[in-house]
Amino acid sequence: MATRAQIALNPSTERPAAGFNGYIMLLLLAVAIAAMVLGFVRLTSDDRGPLTMIALFGGALAALLISCGFYMLQPNQAAAITLFGAYRGTDRTTGLRWVLPWMMRKKVSVRANNFISERIKVNDLRGNPIEMAAQIVWRVVDTSQALFDVDDYKQFVRVQVEAAIRTIGSRYPYDDFEHLEVTLRGNHDQVGVELRGELQDRLAVAGITVDECGFTHLAYAQEIAGAMLRRQQAQAVVAARKTLVEGAVGMVEMALAMLSEKNVVELDDERRAAMVSNLMVVLCGERDTQPVVNTGTLYT
């Protein structure tokens, strides 16, 4: 709840309103109607005394004033009270409520709202066009700021979500094939936390907080999607080949070491080179190898 110093500094800070229990006022309304009916009955019986007139007209006026001050608040709903344009506080008490009839009431939902943005085309850190969309869960925490500091707080949320997505999207590259940088595709959680912080800063002026946010769509734009897909495929092929060659070299080293250690065969440099070549072909080839039986020697 805001302190008096905060209220003096920022007139739009939410503060409690002086509302009344509507059920008590409903009872008073019944008393006023009963007095009006009693006065009317006495008037029809030719009793025109001052008490009759007070009961009739006083009851009618009281019933009119009381009946104009009722309003209902549902759970997670608030009503901002204004008097001739001046903010007088916010009522968050649920149920039947009552204020003076000349005070205006504007209801505001403080429930959680789910918003999914449209797909936005953004240039990432490297200038590549990408498409992004986000989903956020937001709610109003300060009704005064939401109503009086921005023109339309719901439209304000839509605009600021788009601006925050563009800011975060241009701050990082979409992907890093060397895995050395923070990227939009590879660091969802970290980038999502930063997006939430960006939204909190932007929406604080409207008295809105962000409970949850995340990306619902993240991809290269259509004009470069094909080229980037081919690049990713090429990078994947190179990485797979690199792993395959590293494994094959290790296996060849192990085979030569075991042959020498157990004295299975004596290999000179030329035979060793031939064996290495054959083993590398067998281990790195994409097709099944066909054995060739050598009936002579290596040198003929």
Protein backbone atom coordinates (compact mmCIF):
# COMPACT_ATOMS: atom_id res chain seq x y z
CA MET A 1 0.00 0.00 0.00
CA ALA A 2 1.26 3.46 -0.84
CA THR A 3 2.44 5.80 1.92
CA ARG A 4 1.36 9.45 2.18
CA ALA A 5 4.77 10.61 0.98
CA GLN A 6 4.46 8.43 -2.12
CA ILE A 7 0.94 9.72 -2.74
CA ALA A 8 2.12 13.34 -2.45
CA LEU A 9 4.98 12.66 -4.84
CA ASN A 10 2.90 10.72 -7.34
CA PRO A 11 -0.81 11.65 -7.39
CA SER A 12 -1.53 8.56 -9.49
CA THR A 13 -0.38 6.09 -6.86
CA GLU A 14 -3.21 3.81 -5.81
CA ARG A 15 -4.75 4.35 -2.37
CA PRO A 16 -7.81 2.84 -0.66
CA ALA A 17 -11.18 4.50 -1.27
CA ALA A 18 -13.77 5.31 1.38
CA GLY A 19 -16.45 2.87 0.26
CA PHE A 20 -19.32 1.54 2.36
CA ASN A 21 -20.88 -1.85 2.86
CA GLY A 22 -23.66 -2.11 0.31
CA TYR A 23 -25.79 -4.45 2.39
CA ILE A 24 -26.12 -1.89 5.20
CA MET A 25 -27.07 0.76 2.67
CA LEU A 26 -29.56 -1.70 1.17
CA LEU A 27 -31.20 -1.92 4.58
CA LEU A 28 -31.33 1.88 4.78
CA LEU A 29 -32.88 1.92 1.31
CA ALA A 30 -35.62 -0.41 2.53
CA VAL A 31 -36.26 1.92 5.51
CA ALA A 32 -36.46 4.94 3.18
CA ILE A 33 -38.91 3.14 0.87
CA ALA A 34 -41.01 2.12 3.88
CA ALA A 35 -41.10 5.74 5.09
CA MET A 36 -42.13 6.91 1.64
CA VAL A 37 -44.92 4.32 1.45
CA LEU A 38 -46.09 5.26 4.95
CA GLY A 39 -46.18 8.93 4.02
CA PHE A 40 -48.14 8.16 0.86
CA VAL A 41 -50.69 6.09 2.81
CA ARG A 42 -51.14 8.86 5.37
CA LEU A 43 -51.50 11.38 2.57
CA THR A 44 -54.28 9.37 0.93
CA SER A 45 -56.10 9.32 4.26
CA ASP A 46 -56.18 13.16 4.25
CA ASP A 47 -53.36 13.47 6.77
CA ARG A 48 -51.31 16.37 5.43
CA GLY A 49 -49.31 17.03 8.57
CA PRO A 50 -45.58 17.87 8.54
CA LEU A 51 -44.61 14.36 9.58
CA THR A 52 -46.48 12.93 6.61
CA MET A 53 -44.74 15.30 4.21
CA ILE A 54 -41.32 14.60 5.74
CA ALA A 55 -41.89 10.86 5.51
CA LEU A 56 -43.14 11.07 1.91
CA PHE A 57 -40.63 13.47 0.38
CA GLY A 58 -37.74 12.69 2.69
CA GLY A 59 -38.14 8.97 2.08
CA ALA A 60 -38.36 9.49 -1.69
CA LEU A 61 -35.22 11.68 -1.75
CA ALA A 62 -33.28 9.28 0.48
CA ALA A 63 -34.34 6.29 -1.63
CA LEU A 64 -33.23 8.09 -4.81
CA LEU A 65 -29.82 9.07 -3.39
CA ILE A 66 -29.14 5.67 -1.87
CA SER A 67 -30.19 3.69 -4.95
CA CYS A 68 -27.78 5.67 -7.18
CA GLY A 69 -24.72 4.77 -5.12
CA PHE A 70 -24.70 0.96 -5.41
CA TYR A 71 -22.16 -1.03 -7.38
CA MET A 72 -20.96 -4.64 -7.36
CA LEU A 73 -17.37 -5.91 -7.33
CA GLN A 74 -16.48 -9.43 -8.39
CA PRO A 75 -13.39 -11.27 -7.08
CA ASN A 76 -10.18 -9.80 -8.54
CA GLN A 77 -11.99 -6.65 -9.57
CA ALA A 78 -11.45 -3.10 -8.38
CA ALA A 79 -13.24 0.22 -8.77
CA ALA A 80 -11.44 3.56 -9.06
CA ILE A 81 -13.46 6.34 -7.40
CA THR A 82 -13.30 9.91 -8.72
CA LEU A 83 -15.00 13.09 -7.60
CA PHE A 84 -15.40 15.75 -10.31
CA GLY A 85 -12.32 14.36 -12.08
CA ALA A 86 -10.16 14.05 -8.95
CA TYR A 87 -8.98 10.59 -7.96
CA ARG A 88 -10.29 9.59 -4.51
CA GLY A 89 -9.02 6.05 -4.18
CA THR A 90 -9.63 2.48 -5.28
CA ASP A 91 -12.08 0.04 -3.73
CA ARG A 92 -10.96 -3.61 -3.87
CA THR A 93 -13.55 -5.08 -1.45
CA THR A 94 -15.70 -7.67 -3.21
CA GLY A 95 -19.46 -7.82 -2.94
CA LEU A 96 -22.15 -5.12 -2.88
CA ARG A 97 -20.59 -1.71 -2.27
CA TRP A 98 -21.84 1.87 -1.98
CA VAL A 99 -20.40 5.37 -2.37
CA LEU A 100 -21.96 8.80 -2.57
CA PRO A 101 -23.98 9.07 -5.79
CA TRP A 102 -21.99 12.01 -7.16
CA MET A 103 -18.81 9.98 -7.08
CA MET A 104 -17.95 8.17 -10.32
CA ARG A 105 -16.84 4.53 -10.33
CA LYS A 106 -14.70 2.93 -13.03
CA LYS A 107 -14.16 -0.80 -12.71
CA VAL A 108 -10.81 -2.40 -13.53
CA SER A 109 -10.03 -6.10 -13.73
CA VAL A 110 -6.95 -7.12 -11.71
CA ARG A 111 -7.06 -10.70 -12.98
CA ALA A 112 -4.19 -12.25 -14.90
CA ASN A 113 -4.40 -11.64 -18.65
CA ASN A 114 -2.80 -13.78 -21.34
CA PHE A 115 -1.54 -12.03 -24.46
CA ILE A 116 0.08 -13.60 -27.54
CA SER A 117 1.71 -11.14 -29.90
CA GLU A 118 1.65 -11.26 -33.67
CA ARG A 119 4.69 -12.53 -35.54
CA ILE A 120 7.14 -9.65 -35.84
CA LYS A 121 10.01 -9.42 -38.32
CA VAL A 122 13.18 -8.31 -36.54
CA ASN A 123 16.84 -8.00 -37.57
CA ASP A 124 19.05 -9.89 -35.14
CA LEU A 125 22.48 -8.76 -33.96
CA ARG A 126 24.07 -9.84 -37.26
CA GLY A 127 21.40 -8.21 -39.40
CA ASN A 128 19.62 -11.44 -40.36
CA PRO A 129 15.84 -11.04 -40.65
CA ILE A 130 14.00 -13.32 -38.21
CA GLU A 131 10.40 -13.77 -37.13
CA MET A 132 9.50 -13.60 -33.44
CA ALA A 133 6.34 -13.85 -31.35
CA ALA A 134 5.91 -13.92 -27.57
CA GLN A 135 3.32 -14.88 -25.00
CA ILE A 136 3.03 -12.92 -21.74
CA VAL A 137 0.86 -13.16 -18.63
CA TRP A 138 0.23 -9.71 -17.16
CA ARG A 139 -2.04 -8.08 -14.61
CA VAL A 140 -2.81 -4.65 -13.19
CA VAL A 141 -1.28 -3.98 -9.77
CA ASP A 142 -1.90 -0.22 -9.58
CA THR A 143 -5.34 0.75 -10.87
CA SER A 144 -4.64 4.47 -10.61
CA GLN A 145 -1.61 4.31 -12.90
CA ALA A 146 -3.41 2.00 -15.34
CA LEU A 147 -6.37 4.37 -15.68
CA PHE A 148 -4.82 7.81 -15.36
CA ASP A 149 -1.15 7.57 -16.45
CA VAL A 150 -1.80 5.99 -19.87
CA ASP A 151 -4.64 6.47 -22.31
CA ASP A 152 -5.53 2.81 -22.88
CA TYR A 153 -3.53 0.37 -20.76
CA LYS A 154 -4.48 -2.69 -22.82
CA GLN A 155 -3.30 -1.09 -26.05
CA PHE A 156 -0.25 0.15 -24.15
CA VAL A 157 0.61 -3.47 -23.29
CA ARG A 158 0.35 -4.54 -26.95
CA VAL A 159 2.63 -1.75 -28.16
CA GLN A 160 5.23 -2.26 -25.44
CA VAL A 161 5.34 -6.02 -25.99
CA GLU A 162 6.18 -5.45 -29.65
CA ALA A 163 8.82 -2.86 -28.74
CA ALA A 164 10.40 -5.19 -26.15
CA ILE A 165 10.53 -8.08 -28.63
CA ARG A 166 12.29 -5.88 -31.18
CA THR A 167 14.78 -4.70 -28.56
CA ILE A 168 15.66 -8.21 -27.35
CA GLY A 169 15.70 -9.63 -30.88
CA SER A 170 18.25 -7.09 -32.06
CA ARG A 171 20.44 -7.65 -29.01
CA TYR A 172 21.46 -11.25 -29.79
CA PRO A 173 22.19 -13.35 -32.88
CA TYR A 174 19.63 -15.95 -33.85
CA ASP A 175 22.22 -18.74 -33.83
CA ASP A 176 25.92 -19.26 -33.29
CA PHE A 177 27.33 -22.34 -34.99
CA GLU A 178 30.46 -22.21 -32.88
CA HIS A 179 28.42 -22.07 -29.63
CA LEU A 180 30.47 -19.19 -28.22
CA GLU A 181 27.73 -16.55 -27.84
CA VAL A 182 24.36 -16.21 -26.18
CA THR A 183 21.78 -16.77 -28.91
CA LEU A 184 18.03 -16.48 -29.25
CA ARG A 185 17.65 -20.10 -30.32
CA GLY A 186 20.09 -21.69 -27.92
CA ASN A 187 19.41 -19.69 -24.73
CA HIS A 188 15.63 -19.53 -24.45
CA ASP A 189 15.54 -19.29 -20.66
CA GLN A 190 18.15 -16.56 -20.35
CA VAL A 191 16.65 -14.48 -23.17
CA GLY A 192 13.15 -15.02 -21.73
CA VAL A 193 14.26 -13.65 -18.36
CA GLU A 194 15.73 -10.62 -20.09
CA LEU A 195 12.54 -10.11 -22.08
CA ARG A 196 10.52 -10.17 -18.86
CA GLY A 197 12.82 -7.59 -17.27
CA GLU A 198 12.50 -5.37 -20.34
CA LEU A 199 8.71 -5.62 -20.19
CA GLN A 200 8.63 -4.91 -16.44
CA ASP A 201 10.56 -1.69 -16.99
CA ARG A 202 8.33 -0.61 -19.86
CA LEU A 203 4.99 -1.46 -18.21
CA ALA A 204 5.77 -0.12 -14.72
CA VAL A 205 4.53 3.35 -15.73
CA ALA A 206 1.08 1.83 -16.32
CA GLY A 207 0.95 -0.04 -13.01
CA ILE A 208 1.24 -3.43 -14.73
CA THR A 209 3.42 -6.37 -13.79
CA VAL A 210 4.47 -9.36 -15.90
CA ASP A 211 4.08 -12.76 -14.22
CA GLU A 212 5.36 -14.92 -17.07
CA CYS A 213 6.65 -14.56 -20.60
CA GLY A 214 8.27 -16.64 -23.32
CA PHE A 215 8.68 -16.99 -27.06
CA THR A 216 5.99 -18.80 -29.02
CA HIS A 217 7.65 -18.43 -32.44
CA LEU A 218 11.29 -17.99 -33.39
CA ALA A 219 12.58 -18.66 -36.90
CA TYR A 220 14.48 -17.16 -39.79
CA ALA A 221 12.39 -15.05 -42.15
CA GLN A 222 11.19 -16.84 -45.28
CA GLU A 223 13.57 -15.00 -47.63
CA ILE A 224 16.66 -16.49 -45.95
CA ALA A 225 15.23 -19.61 -44.34
CA GLY A 226 16.33 -21.88 -47.22
CA ALA A 227 19.90 -20.57 -47.27
CA MET A 228 20.22 -20.82 -43.50
CA LEU A 229 18.84 -24.37 -43.58
CA ARG A 230 21.49 -25.38 -46.11
CA ARG A 231 24.13 -23.75 -43.96
CA GLN A 232 22.95 -25.64 -40.90
CA GLN A 233 22.95 -28.89 -42.86
CA ALA A 234 26.49 -28.22 -44.09
CA GLN A 235 27.64 -27.43 -40.55
CA ALA A 236 26.03 -30.65 -39.32
CA VAL A 237 27.73 -32.70 -42.04
CA VAL A 238 31.11 -31.15 -41.24
CA ALA A 239 30.66 -31.78 -37.53
CA ALA A 240 29.64 -35.39 -38.17
CA ARG A 241 32.63 -35.95 -40.47
CA LYS A 242 34.95 -34.43 -37.91
CA THR A 243 33.68 -36.76 -35.20
CA LEU A 244 33.91 -39.74 -37.56
CA VAL A 245 37.50 -38.97 -38.57
CA GLU A 246 38.58 -38.40 -34.97
CA GLY A 247 37.14 -41.75 -34.00
CA ALA A 248 38.69 -43.51 -37.00
CA VAL A 249 42.16 -42.10 -36.25
CA GLY A 250 41.88 -43.32 -32.68
CA MET A 251 40.86 -46.78 -33.80
CA VAL A 252 43.73 -46.96 -36.33
CA GLU A 253 46.23 -45.91 -33.68
CA MET A 254 44.87 -48.55 -31.32
CA ALA A 255 45.00 -51.27 -34.02
CA LEU A 256 48.61 -50.50 -34.98
CA ALA A 257 49.67 -50.33 -31.35
CA MET A 258 48.10 -53.70 -30.54
CA LEU A 259 49.62 -55.33 -33.65
CA SER A 260 53.07 -54.10 -32.70
CA GLU A 261 52.65 -54.96 -29.03
CA LYS A 262 51.62 -58.58 -29.71
CA ASN A 263 54.07 -59.05 -32.58
CA VAL A 264 51.32 -60.21 -34.89
CA VAL A 265 53.04 -58.85 -37.97
CA GLU A 266 56.10 -56.76 -38.74
CA LEU A 267 55.17 -53.62 -40.66
CA ASP A 268 57.57 -51.38 -42.44
CA ASP A 269 56.65 -47.79 -43.29
CA GLU A 270 55.06 -48.65 -46.62
CA ARG A 271 52.94 -51.47 -45.23
CA ARG A 272 51.99 -49.33 -42.28
CA ALA A 273 50.84 -46.56 -44.65
CA ALA A 274 48.82 -49.05 -46.70
CA MET A 275 47.14 -50.45 -43.60
CA VAL A 276 46.32 -46.98 -42.34
CA SER A 277 44.83 -46.09 -45.72
CA ASN A 278 42.71 -49.27 -45.82
CA LEU A 279 41.48 -48.86 -42.25
CA MET A 280 40.56 -45.20 -42.81
CA VAL A 281 38.61 -46.14 -45.95
CA VAL A 282 36.74 -48.86 -44.05
CA LEU A 283 35.98 -46.71 -41.02
CA CYS A 284 35.12 -43.46 -42.81
CA GLY A 285 33.31 -44.84 -45.88
CA GLU A 286 29.56 -44.35 -46.16
CA ARG A 287 29.02 -47.68 -47.96
CA ASP A 288 29.85 -51.23 -46.97
CA THR A 289 33.39 -52.15 -48.01
CA GLN A 290 34.15 -55.03 -50.36
CA PRO A 291 37.21 -57.08 -49.40
CA VAL A 292 39.93 -57.58 -52.02
CA VAL A 293 42.01 -60.75 -51.65
CA ASN A 294 45.65 -60.16 -52.52
CA THR A 295 47.18 -63.43 -53.81
CA GLY A 296 50.58 -61.95 -54.30
CA THR A 297 52.58 -59.56 -52.20
CA LEU A 298 52.27 -55.90 -51.49
CA TYR A 299 55.12 -55.12 -53.89
CA THR A 300 53.90 -57.09 -56.96
